[in-house]
Structure formats: C-alpha cells, structure tokens
C-alpha cells in the first residue's frame, strides 16, 4: 500500500532535517528518541559490526571487482554491434531481475527471523534492524560497509561467468551472449543496490548527476523509498531502481506471501523488527 504525505511525516524519520527542526508533536514529547543514532536499539545494533565482518566484506568486495573487470573486458571484446537489440533486452531484464531480487531479500530480512539466529542473525539481519531505527546510519557507512554483502553474493556468479568466457570458443560465446549480458547487468545492479539505497537516504552533498538519475527514476529516488520507511515498513521493498514496487503492491504480492506464511507457520511478520524499534534506554 502506498502512503500519503501525512503518514510519511508522522510515521517516519525526517531524514532531510537532521537537526530535528520538523519533529512532530508526538516526537517532541517522547522521553526517548523514536529514531536515529541515539535510539537504544540503534546503538546496540551498530555495535554489532565486528572486525571479522569488515575483513570478510573487504575480501569479497575485492574479489568481485576483479572478476567484474575481467568479465566486462571479455564481453566488450566479443560484442557484436548487429546484436545490439538483444543485448539491450537482456540488460533491461537483468536490471528488472535485480530490482525484484532486492525486494525479495529486503522483504525476507525485514519481515522474518531474528538477530539472535546463530551466524545469520548478526551477520545479515542486524543491518536491516538497525536501518529501520536509524535510517541515516547508512549515509555514515563507507563504501565497504555499505556494499560488502551485496558484492559477496555476486562472487559465485561472476566466477562462473569468468570460467565460461575464458573456456568457451567464439561461436559458443556468441550463442550465449544475450544470456551473459543479462547475467552481467543483473550482477552489476545487484552489487550496486545498496549504494543506490544509500543515495536515497542522502539529502545533502550528492553530485548533480546522482540527483539527476534519481529524478529520472533510473535509480532509487528519495521520495519513492521514503514510502518504505513509514512504520511498520510493510511496503515498497524493491531498492535497486524501485521500478517494481508499484506493480507488486497493485497485485498484493508481499501481503499475500505474508498471509500464507503466517497461516502456515504461525510466525508474525516483522515481530523482531518491532521489538528492536520499541527498545528504550
């Protein structure tokens, strides 16, 4: 479901006003911060970013960038200009798939599970919980912390592409070129999803061309993504471009999945998320 301006104002953090000059009456009278870096839950979750996690992210990011450069060079060298339309279709399909996967992962991590789950909870779910309490924390993360996990999940696909491009002959590559172009754009946009997401929370200091891409809705726009941050964070999960958010809401995709999962398992959507949001000093 989409949200109107009053819902956005009353039920989400005013990210474009970091000094709190536009706080609602409810927020002004609250004894503890409802959102932001001083929220008790946000401080506890932020402390969960460990040196070991940093090393893992750095190694995965370095591996992914190297493989991406190799694959890009191979694809550029073997590009046939007469096949431009097939490549364009494959590229657009890759971007749409990345947007859908971003929504699926985002919805799953926001809605289900707990930070207390061994390994997965602290490594994967923790940043999602922190982000809902302190949406602008992502703007204070550097490139590695912002993008490490996304680049990590791309490494196996990139390794497969590298092996295929280096071992197959020219005829085989041309026969598979549109598929490889699709995979490459899918991986490229998956890897940059959290960077686009970070920019959608960055209200000051962005280069003009990033603002222009957001204005054209070629990457995730600020106002569009703000809809997701209206508590209880139940809509607009796609965060690569956001192109699929409205169609998926129109058909009730996420609410239908939640209905059947809750009916089958008894698990309550976003229960862990709400527990963290309700923490106070």
C-alpha atoms as a PDB file:
ATOM      1  CA  UNK A   1       0.000   0.000   0.000  1.00  0.00           C
ATOM      2  CA  UNK A   2       1.286   3.461  -0.812  1.00  0.00           C
ATOM      3  CA  UNK A   3       1.491   6.173   1.845  1.00  0.00           C
ATOM      4  CA  UNK A   4       0.277   9.768   1.742  1.00  0.00           C
ATOM      5  CA  UNK A   5       2.297  12.769   2.918  1.00  0.00           C
ATOM      6  CA  UNK A   6       0.718  12.839   6.377  1.00  0.00           C
ATOM      7  CA  UNK A   7       1.693   9.197   7.021  1.00  0.00           C
ATOM      8  CA  UNK A   8       5.237   9.889   5.864  1.00  0.00           C
ATOM      9  CA  UNK A   9       5.542  12.900   8.174  1.00  0.00           C
ATOM     10  CA  UNK A  10       4.047  11.252  11.250  1.00  0.00           C
ATOM     11  CA  UNK A  11       5.395   7.708  10.934  1.00  0.00           C
ATOM     12  CA  UNK A  12       8.903   8.009   9.512  1.00  0.00           C
ATOM     13  CA  UNK A  13      12.110   9.777  10.489  1.00  0.00           C
ATOM     14  CA  UNK A  14      12.515  13.250   8.988  1.00  0.00           C
ATOM     15  CA  UNK A  15      15.775  12.395   7.241  1.00  0.00           C
ATOM     16  CA  UNK A  16      16.062  15.702   5.387  1.00  0.00           C
ATOM     17  CA  UNK A  17      16.033  17.568   8.725  1.00  0.00           C
ATOM     18  CA  UNK A  18      18.987  16.183  10.714  1.00  0.00           C
ATOM     19  CA  UNK A  19      18.723  18.913  13.371  1.00  0.00           C
ATOM     20  CA  UNK A  20      15.173  17.933  14.291  1.00  0.00           C
ATOM     21  CA  UNK A  21      13.535  21.244  13.434  1.00  0.00           C
ATOM     22  CA  UNK A  22      10.493  19.477  11.964  1.00  0.00           C
ATOM     23  CA  UNK A  23       9.725  16.960  14.701  1.00  0.00           C
ATOM     24  CA  UNK A  24       6.066  16.136  15.151  1.00  0.00           C
ATOM     25  CA  UNK A  25       4.381  16.893  18.486  1.00  0.00           C
ATOM     26  CA  UNK A  26       4.448  13.200  19.383  1.00  0.00           C
ATOM     27  CA  UNK A  27       8.202  13.036  18.831  1.00  0.00           C
ATOM     28  CA  UNK A  28       8.827  16.249  20.767  1.00  0.00           C
ATOM     29  CA  UNK A  29       7.075  14.875  23.844  1.00  0.00           C
ATOM     30  CA  UNK A  30       8.666  11.416  23.673  1.00  0.00           C
ATOM     31  CA  UNK A  31      11.033  10.721  26.573  1.00  0.00           C
ATOM     32  CA  UNK A  32      13.399   8.711  24.352  1.00  0.00           C
ATOM     33  CA  UNK A  33      14.286   9.015  20.679  1.00  0.00           C
ATOM     34  CA  UNK A  34      11.943   7.151  18.341  1.00  0.00           C
ATOM     35  CA  UNK A  35      14.517   7.054  15.554  1.00  0.00           C
ATOM     36  CA  UNK A  36      18.140   7.975  14.971  1.00  0.00           C
ATOM     37  CA  UNK A  37      21.611   7.149  16.210  1.00  0.00           C
ATOM     38  CA  UNK A  38      20.736   7.809  19.886  1.00  0.00           C
ATOM     39  CA  UNK A  39      17.956   5.220  19.926  1.00  0.00           C
ATOM     40  CA  UNK A  40      18.866   2.424  22.368  1.00  0.00           C
ATOM     41  CA  UNK A  41      18.307  -0.326  19.815  1.00  0.00           C
ATOM     42  CA  UNK A  42      20.259   1.515  17.135  1.00  0.00           C
ATOM     43  CA  UNK A  43      23.293   1.877  19.383  1.00  0.00           C
ATOM     44  CA  UNK A  44      23.241  -1.805  20.342  1.00  0.00           C
ATOM     45  CA  UNK A  45      22.851  -2.943  16.737  1.00  0.00           C
ATOM     46  CA  UNK A  46      25.560  -0.597  15.423  1.00  0.00           C
ATOM     47  CA  UNK A  47      27.997  -2.107  17.937  1.00  0.00           C
ATOM     48  CA  UNK A  48      27.488  -5.481  16.266  1.00  0.00           C
ATOM     49  CA  UNK A  49      29.648  -4.572  13.257  1.00  0.00           C
ATOM     50  CA  UNK A  50      32.816  -6.548  14.016  1.00  0.00           C
ATOM     51  CA  UNK A  51      36.406  -6.506  12.685  1.00  0.00           C
ATOM     52  CA  UNK A  52      35.889 -10.036  11.321  1.00  0.00           C
ATOM     53  CA  UNK A  53      32.859  -8.847   9.362  1.00  0.00           C
ATOM     54  CA  UNK A  54      34.949  -5.991   7.983  1.00  0.00           C
ATOM     55  CA  UNK A  55      37.634  -8.393   6.745  1.00  0.00           C
ATOM     56  CA  UNK A  56      35.042 -10.633   5.069  1.00  0.00           C
ATOM     57  CA  UNK A  57      33.435  -7.674   3.309  1.00  0.00           C
ATOM     58  CA  UNK A  58      36.789  -6.307   2.123  1.00  0.00           C
ATOM     59  CA  UNK A  59      37.928  -9.622   0.653  1.00  0.00           C
ATOM     60  CA  UNK A  60      34.607 -10.294  -1.078  1.00  0.00           C
ATOM     61  CA  UNK A  61      34.438  -6.779  -2.497  1.00  0.00           C
ATOM     62  CA  UNK A  62      37.984  -7.002  -3.885  1.00  0.00           C
ATOM     63  CA  UNK A  63      37.300 -10.402  -5.471  1.00  0.00           C
ATOM     64  CA  UNK A  64      34.023  -9.228  -7.007  1.00  0.00           C
ATOM     65  CA  UNK A  65      35.521  -6.056  -8.515  1.00  0.00           C
ATOM     66  CA  UNK A  66      38.403  -8.011 -10.093  1.00  0.00           C
ATOM     67  CA  UNK A  67      36.047 -10.593 -11.591  1.00  0.00           C
ATOM     68  CA  UNK A  68      33.668  -7.883 -12.779  1.00  0.00           C
ATOM     69  CA  UNK A  69      36.501  -6.094 -14.592  1.00  0.00           C
ATOM     70  CA  UNK A  70      37.640  -9.324 -16.289  1.00  0.00           C
ATOM     71  CA  UNK A  71      34.107 -10.233 -17.372  1.00  0.00           C
ATOM     72  CA  UNK A  72      33.393  -6.720 -18.604  1.00  0.00           C
ATOM     73  CA  UNK A  73      36.556  -6.728 -20.722  1.00  0.00           C
ATOM     74  CA  UNK A  74      35.709 -10.115 -22.256  1.00  0.00           C
ATOM     75  CA  UNK A  75      32.123  -9.067 -23.038  1.00  0.00           C
ATOM     76  CA  UNK A  76      33.261  -5.774 -24.585  1.00  0.00           C
ATOM     77  CA  UNK A  77      35.838  -7.550 -26.764  1.00  0.00           C
ATOM     78  CA  UNK A  78      33.251 -10.026 -28.070  1.00  0.00           C
ATOM     79  CA  UNK A  79      30.352  -7.620 -28.561  1.00  0.00           C
ATOM     80  CA  UNK A  80      28.669  -7.819 -31.969  1.00  0.00           C
ATOM     81  CA  UNK A  81      27.060  -4.436 -32.830  1.00  0.00           C
ATOM     82  CA  UNK A  82      24.451  -6.135 -35.017  1.00  0.00           C
ATOM     83  CA  UNK A  83      23.101  -7.812 -31.864  1.00  0.00           C
ATOM     84  CA  UNK A  84      22.507  -4.526 -30.005  1.00  0.00           C
ATOM     85  CA  UNK A  85      18.764  -5.042 -29.550  1.00  0.00           C
ATOM     86  CA  UNK A  86      19.160  -8.485 -27.991  1.00  0.00           C
ATOM     87  CA  UNK A  87      21.814  -7.142 -25.654  1.00  0.00           C
ATOM     88  CA  UNK A  88      19.560  -4.199 -24.695  1.00  0.00           C
ATOM     89  CA  UNK A  89      16.656  -6.522 -23.883  1.00  0.00           C
ATOM     90  CA  UNK A  90      18.956  -8.764 -21.845  1.00  0.00           C
ATOM     91  CA  UNK A  91      20.375  -5.781 -19.971  1.00  0.00           C
ATOM     92  CA  UNK A  92      16.927  -4.392 -19.117  1.00  0.00           C
ATOM     93  CA  UNK A  93      15.787  -7.838 -17.996  1.00  0.00           C
ATOM     94  CA  UNK A  94      18.870  -8.027 -15.773  1.00  0.00           C
ATOM     95  CA  UNK A  95      18.033  -4.689 -14.141  1.00  0.00           C
ATOM     96  CA  UNK A  96      14.411  -5.720 -13.536  1.00  0.00           C
ATOM     97  CA  UNK A  97      15.540  -9.038 -12.057  1.00  0.00           C
ATOM     98  CA  UNK A  98      17.960  -7.216  -9.757  1.00  0.00           C
ATOM     99  CA  UNK A  99      15.142  -4.945  -8.592  1.00  0.00           C
ATOM    100  CA  UNK A 100      12.913  -7.948  -7.877  1.00  0.00           C
ATOM    101  CA  UNK A 101      15.654  -9.817  -6.009  1.00  0.00           C
ATOM    102  CA  UNK A 102      16.407  -6.695  -3.969  1.00  0.00           C
ATOM    103  CA  UNK A 103      12.764  -6.611  -2.935  1.00  0.00           C
ATOM    104  CA  UNK A 104      12.618 -10.320  -2.148  1.00  0.00           C
ATOM    105  CA  UNK A 105      15.745 -10.256   0.021  1.00  0.00           C
ATOM    106  CA  UNK A 106      14.746  -6.964   1.650  1.00  0.00           C
ATOM    107  CA  UNK A 107      11.232  -8.230   2.413  1.00  0.00           C
ATOM    108  CA  UNK A 108      12.536 -11.521   3.799  1.00  0.00           C
ATOM    109  CA  UNK A 109      15.149  -9.871   6.034  1.00  0.00           C
ATOM    110  CA  UNK A 110      12.788  -7.122   7.238  1.00  0.00           C
ATOM    111  CA  UNK A 111       9.856  -9.402   7.900  1.00  0.00           C
ATOM    112  CA  UNK A 112      11.157 -12.702   9.245  1.00  0.00           C
ATOM    113  CA  UNK A 113      13.868 -14.053  11.504  1.00  0.00           C
ATOM    114  CA  UNK A 114      15.734 -12.623  14.453  1.00  0.00           C
ATOM    115  CA  UNK A 115      19.101 -11.070  15.165  1.00  0.00           C
ATOM    116  CA  UNK A 116      19.568 -13.906  17.686  1.00  0.00           C
ATOM    117  CA  UNK A 117      19.745 -16.555  14.933  1.00  0.00           C
ATOM    118  CA  UNK A 118      23.295 -18.002  15.031  1.00  0.00           C
ATOM    119  CA  UNK A 119      25.688 -16.504  12.434  1.00  0.00           C
ATOM    120  CA  UNK A 120      22.978 -15.336  10.027  1.00  0.00           C
ATOM    121  CA  UNK A 121      21.288 -13.058  12.535  1.00  0.00           C
ATOM    122  CA  UNK A 122      24.221 -10.843  13.427  1.00  0.00           C
ATOM    123  CA  UNK A 123      25.936 -11.034  10.036  1.00  0.00           C
ATOM    124  CA  UNK A 124      22.889 -10.488   7.813  1.00  0.00           C
ATOM    125  CA  UNK A 125      19.745  -9.429   9.711  1.00  0.00           C
ATOM    126  CA  UNK A 126      21.401  -6.966  12.102  1.00  0.00           C
ATOM    127  CA  UNK A 127      21.902  -4.199   9.477  1.00  0.00           C
ATOM    128  CA  UNK A 128      18.227  -4.402   8.463  1.00  0.00           C
ATOM    129  CA  UNK A 129      17.073  -3.919  12.055  1.00  0.00           C
ATOM    130  CA  UNK A 130      19.473  -1.020  12.580  1.00  0.00           C
ATOM    131  CA  UNK A 131      18.392   0.624   9.349  1.00  0.00           C
ATOM    132  CA  UNK A 132      14.733   0.910  10.345  1.00  0.00           C
ATOM    133  CA  UNK A 133      15.604   2.541  13.654  1.00  0.00           C
ATOM    134  CA  UNK A 134      18.370   4.761  12.257  1.00  0.00           C
ATOM    135  CA  UNK A 135      17.733   5.148   8.504  1.00  0.00           C
ATOM    136  CA  UNK A 136      20.538   7.658   8.003  1.00  0.00           C
ATOM    137  CA  UNK A 137      23.201   5.408   9.583  1.00  0.00           C
ATOM    138  CA  UNK A 138      23.837   4.040   6.088  1.00  0.00           C
ATOM    139  CA  UNK A 139      24.966   7.508   4.991  1.00  0.00           C
ATOM    140  CA  UNK A 140      27.756   7.321   7.571  1.00  0.00           C
ATOM    141  CA  UNK A 141      28.992   3.955   6.303  1.00  0.00           C
ATOM    142  CA  UNK A 142      31.926   3.859   3.900  1.00  0.00           C
ATOM    143  CA  UNK A 143      31.906   2.000   0.568  1.00  0.00           C
ATOM    144  CA  UNK A 144      32.989  -1.327   2.080  1.00  0.00           C
ATOM    145  CA  UNK A 145      30.424  -1.432   4.882  1.00  0.00           C
ATOM    146  CA  UNK A 146      27.681  -0.223   2.558  1.00  0.00           C
ATOM    147  CA  UNK A 147      28.330  -2.656  -0.293  1.00  0.00           C
ATOM    148  CA  UNK A 148      30.345  -5.596   1.056  1.00  0.00           C
ATOM    149  CA  UNK A 149      27.471  -8.054   1.424  1.00  0.00           C
ATOM    150  CA  UNK A 150      25.996  -7.304  -1.998  1.00  0.00           C
ATOM    151  CA  UNK A 151      29.343  -7.787  -3.721  1.00  0.00           C
ATOM    152  CA  UNK A 152      29.852 -11.014  -1.742  1.00  0.00           C
ATOM    153  CA  UNK A 153      26.711 -12.694  -3.108  1.00  0.00           C
ATOM    154  CA  UNK A 154      27.830 -11.804  -6.648  1.00  0.00           C
ATOM    155  CA  UNK A 155      31.179 -13.623  -6.446  1.00  0.00           C
ATOM    156  CA  UNK A 156      29.914 -17.154  -7.343  1.00  0.00           C
ATOM    157  CA  UNK A 157      28.039 -15.926 -10.443  1.00  0.00           C
ATOM    158  CA  UNK A 158      30.983 -13.789 -11.514  1.00  0.00           C
ATOM    159  CA  UNK A 159      33.319 -16.776 -11.094  1.00  0.00           C
ATOM    160  CA  UNK A 160      31.018 -18.872 -13.274  1.00  0.00           C
ATOM    161  CA  UNK A 161      30.969 -16.152 -15.945  1.00  0.00           C
ATOM    162  CA  UNK A 162      34.756 -15.825 -15.897  1.00  0.00           C
ATOM    163  CA  UNK A 163      35.231 -19.571 -16.313  1.00  0.00           C
ATOM    164  CA  UNK A 164      32.742 -19.662 -19.172  1.00  0.00           C
ATOM    165  CA  UNK A 165      34.151 -16.648 -21.015  1.00  0.00           C
ATOM    166  CA  UNK A 166      37.719 -17.924 -20.741  1.00  0.00           C
ATOM    167  CA  UNK A 167      36.989 -21.515 -21.763  1.00  0.00           C
ATOM    168  CA  UNK A 168      34.302 -21.285 -24.484  1.00  0.00           C
ATOM    169  CA  UNK A 169      35.078 -20.632 -28.134  1.00  0.00           C
ATOM    170  CA  UNK A 170      33.819 -17.603 -30.078  1.00  0.00           C
ATOM    171  CA  UNK A 171      30.814 -19.412 -31.561  1.00  0.00           C
ATOM    172  CA  UNK A 172      29.622 -20.602 -28.154  1.00  0.00           C
ATOM    173  CA  UNK A 173      30.045 -17.135 -26.636  1.00  0.00           C
ATOM    174  CA  UNK A 174      28.045 -15.514 -29.433  1.00  0.00           C
ATOM    175  CA  UNK A 175      25.274 -18.083 -28.980  1.00  0.00           C
ATOM    176  CA  UNK A 176      25.125 -17.283 -25.243  1.00  0.00           C
ATOM    177  CA  UNK A 177      25.965 -13.578 -25.450  1.00  0.00           C
ATOM    178  CA  UNK A 178      22.496 -12.211 -24.597  1.00  0.00           C
ATOM    179  CA  UNK A 179      22.303 -14.531 -21.589  1.00  0.00           C
ATOM    180  CA  UNK A 180      25.745 -13.424 -20.438  1.00  0.00           C
ATOM    181  CA  UNK A 181      24.785  -9.760 -20.920  1.00  0.00           C
ATOM    182  CA  UNK A 182      21.688 -10.401 -18.798  1.00  0.00           C
ATOM    183  CA  UNK A 183      23.784 -12.001 -16.055  1.00  0.00           C
ATOM    184  CA  UNK A 184      26.348  -9.208 -16.128  1.00  0.00           C
ATOM    185  CA  UNK A 185      23.754  -6.434 -15.756  1.00  0.00           C
ATOM    186  CA  UNK A 186      21.964  -8.434 -13.073  1.00  0.00           C
ATOM    187  CA  UNK A 187      25.208  -8.755 -11.118  1.00  0.00           C
ATOM    188  CA  UNK A 188      26.215  -5.133 -11.721  1.00  0.00           C
ATOM    189  CA  UNK A 189      22.914  -3.794 -10.386  1.00  0.00           C
ATOM    190  CA  UNK A 190      22.757  -6.281  -7.505  1.00  0.00           C
ATOM    191  CA  UNK A 191      26.249  -5.233  -6.441  1.00  0.00           C
ATOM    192  CA  UNK A 192      25.315  -1.530  -6.548  1.00  0.00           C
ATOM    193  CA  UNK A 193      21.872  -1.896  -4.963  1.00  0.00           C
ATOM    194  CA  UNK A 194      22.926  -0.785  -1.506  1.00  0.00           C
ATOM    195  CA  UNK A 195      24.855   2.147  -2.963  1.00  0.00           C
ATOM    196  CA  UNK A 196      21.678   3.297  -4.724  1.00  0.00           C
ATOM    197  CA  UNK A 197      19.882   2.693  -1.429  1.00  0.00           C
ATOM    198  CA  UNK A 198      22.427   4.802   0.452  1.00  0.00           C
ATOM    199  CA  UNK A 199      21.978   7.660  -2.021  1.00  0.00           C
ATOM    200  CA  UNK A 200      18.200   7.508  -1.500  1.00  0.00           C
ATOM    201  CA  UNK A 201      18.873   8.425   2.151  1.00  0.00           C
ATOM    202  CA  UNK A 202      21.463  11.117   1.334  1.00  0.00           C
ATOM    203  CA  UNK A 203      19.740  14.504   1.265  1.00  0.00           C
ATOM    204  CA  UNK A 204      22.866  16.660   1.177  1.00  0.00           C
ATOM    205  CA  UNK A 205      26.047  16.730  -0.877  1.00  0.00           C
ATOM    206  CA  UNK A 206      25.216  14.295  -3.682  1.00  0.00           C
ATOM    207  CA  UNK A 207      26.728  15.052  -7.116  1.00  0.00           C
ATOM    208  CA  UNK A 208      24.279  16.618  -9.557  1.00  0.00           C
ATOM    209  CA  UNK A 209      24.317  13.563 -11.815  1.00  0.00           C
ATOM    210  CA  UNK A 210      23.167  11.257  -8.976  1.00  0.00           C
ATOM    211  CA  UNK A 211      20.314  13.647  -8.240  1.00  0.00           C
ATOM    212  CA  UNK A 212      19.507  13.640 -11.975  1.00  0.00           C
ATOM    213  CA  UNK A 213      19.428   9.820 -12.112  1.00  0.00           C
ATOM    214  CA  UNK A 214      17.096   9.794  -9.122  1.00  0.00           C
ATOM    215  CA  UNK A 215      14.870  12.464 -10.675  1.00  0.00           C
ATOM    216  CA  UNK A 216      14.561  10.340 -13.833  1.00  0.00           C
ATOM    217  CA  UNK A 217      13.902   7.268 -11.646  1.00  0.00           C
ATOM    218  CA  UNK A 218      16.796   5.399 -13.241  1.00  0.00           C
ATOM    219  CA  UNK A 219      17.989   4.597  -9.724  1.00  0.00           C
ATOM    220  CA  UNK A 220      16.047   4.597  -6.451  1.00  0.00           C
ATOM    221  CA  UNK A 221      14.643   8.091  -5.711  1.00  0.00           C
ATOM    222  CA  UNK A 222      14.465   9.580  -2.206  1.00  0.00           C
ATOM    223  CA  UNK A 223      10.736  10.325  -2.080  1.00  0.00           C
ATOM    224  CA  UNK A 224       9.907   6.921  -3.549  1.00  0.00           C
ATOM    225  CA  UNK A 225      11.953   4.994  -0.973  1.00  0.00           C
ATOM    226  CA  UNK A 226      10.663   7.137   1.913  1.00  0.00           C
ATOM    227  CA  UNK A 227       7.348   5.285   1.498  1.00  0.00           C
ATOM    228  CA  UNK A 228       9.025   2.096   2.722  1.00  0.00           C
ATOM    229  CA  UNK A 229      10.235   3.844   5.878  1.00  0.00           C
ATOM    230  CA  UNK A 230       6.747   4.606   7.097  1.00  0.00           C
ATOM    231  CA  UNK A 231       6.295   2.377  10.158  1.00  0.00           C
ATOM    232  CA  UNK A 232       5.734  -0.608  10.184  1.00  0.00           C
ATOM    233  CA  UNK A 233       7.835  -0.890   6.990  1.00  0.00           C
ATOM    234  CA  UNK A 234       5.398  -3.125   5.140  1.00  0.00           C
ATOM    235  CA  UNK A 235       5.625  -1.906   1.555  1.00  0.00           C
ATOM    236  CA  UNK A 236       7.926  -0.780  -1.318  1.00  0.00           C
ATOM    237  CA  UNK A 237      10.717  -3.287  -0.631  1.00  0.00           C
ATOM    238  CA  UNK A 238      12.495  -3.076  -4.021  1.00  0.00           C
ATOM    239  CA  UNK A 239      15.542  -0.830  -3.619  1.00  0.00           C
ATOM    240  CA  UNK A 240      17.641  -1.147  -6.787  1.00  0.00           C
ATOM    241  CA  UNK A 241      15.554   1.079  -9.040  1.00  0.00           C
ATOM    242  CA  UNK A 242      12.189   0.714  -7.330  1.00  0.00           C
ATOM    243  CA  UNK A 243      10.517   0.125 -10.709  1.00  0.00           C
ATOM    244  CA  UNK A 244       8.659  -2.963  -9.471  1.00  0.00           C
ATOM    245  CA  UNK A 245       7.312  -1.509  -6.217  1.00  0.00           C
ATOM    246  CA  UNK A 246       4.018  -0.193  -7.530  1.00  0.00           C
ATOM    247  CA  UNK A 247       3.165  -3.256  -9.697  1.00  0.00           C
ATOM    248  CA  UNK A 248       3.930  -5.624  -6.817  1.00  0.00           C
ATOM    249  CA  UNK A 249       1.773  -3.567  -4.449  1.00  0.00           C
ATOM    250  CA  UNK A 250      -1.010  -3.460  -7.021  1.00  0.00           C
ATOM    251  CA  UNK A 251      -1.265  -7.266  -7.034  1.00  0.00           C
ATOM    252  CA  UNK A 252      -0.717  -7.586  -3.265  1.00  0.00           C
ATOM    253  CA  UNK A 253       2.415  -9.680  -3.759  1.00  0.00           C
ATOM    254  CA  UNK A 254       4.045  -9.173  -0.346  1.00  0.00           C
ATOM    255  CA  UNK A 255       0.851  -9.213   1.709  1.00  0.00           C
ATOM    256  CA  UNK A 256      -0.223 -12.460   0.047  1.00  0.00           C
ATOM    257  CA  UNK A 257       3.125 -14.106   0.838  1.00  0.00           C
ATOM    258  CA  UNK A 258       2.899 -12.897   4.435  1.00  0.00           C
ATOM    259  CA  UNK A 259      -0.661 -14.166   4.809  1.00  0.00           C
ATOM    260  CA  UNK A 260       0.233 -17.689   3.717  1.00  0.00           C
ATOM    261  CA  UNK A 261       3.476 -17.856   5.705  1.00  0.00           C
ATOM    262  CA  UNK A 262       1.729 -16.678   8.866  1.00  0.00           C
ATOM    263  CA  UNK A 263      -1.174 -19.046   8.261  1.00  0.00           C
ATOM    264  CA  UNK A 264       1.177 -21.990   7.683  1.00  0.00           C
ATOM    265  CA  UNK A 265       3.827 -21.357  10.351  1.00  0.00           C
ATOM    266  CA  UNK A 266       2.199 -19.029  12.874  1.00  0.00           C
ATOM    267  CA  UNK A 267       5.153 -16.625  12.589  1.00  0.00           C
ATOM    268  CA  UNK A 268       4.205 -12.950  12.901  1.00  0.00           C
ATOM    269  CA  UNK A 269       5.595 -10.587  10.240  1.00  0.00           C
ATOM    270  CA  UNK A 270       8.107  -8.012  11.495  1.00  0.00           C
ATOM    271  CA  UNK A 271       7.868  -9.103  15.146  1.00  0.00           C
ATOM    272  CA  UNK A 272      11.647  -8.902  15.687  1.00  0.00           C
ATOM    273  CA  UNK A 273      11.790  -5.580  13.853  1.00  0.00           C
ATOM    274  CA  UNK A 274       9.137  -4.113  16.168  1.00  0.00           C
ATOM    275  CA  UNK A 275      10.914  -5.475  19.267  1.00  0.00           C
ATOM    276  CA  UNK A 276      14.070  -3.579  18.329  1.00  0.00           C
ATOM    277  CA  UNK A 277      12.123  -0.433  17.454  1.00  0.00           C
ATOM    278  CA  UNK A 278      10.431  -0.457  20.874  1.00  0.00           C
ATOM    279  CA  UNK A 279      13.702  -0.573  22.849  1.00  0.00           C
ATOM    280  CA  UNK A 280      14.289   2.405  25.138  1.00  0.00           C
ATOM    281  CA  UNK A 281      17.162   3.382  27.439  1.00  0.00           C
END
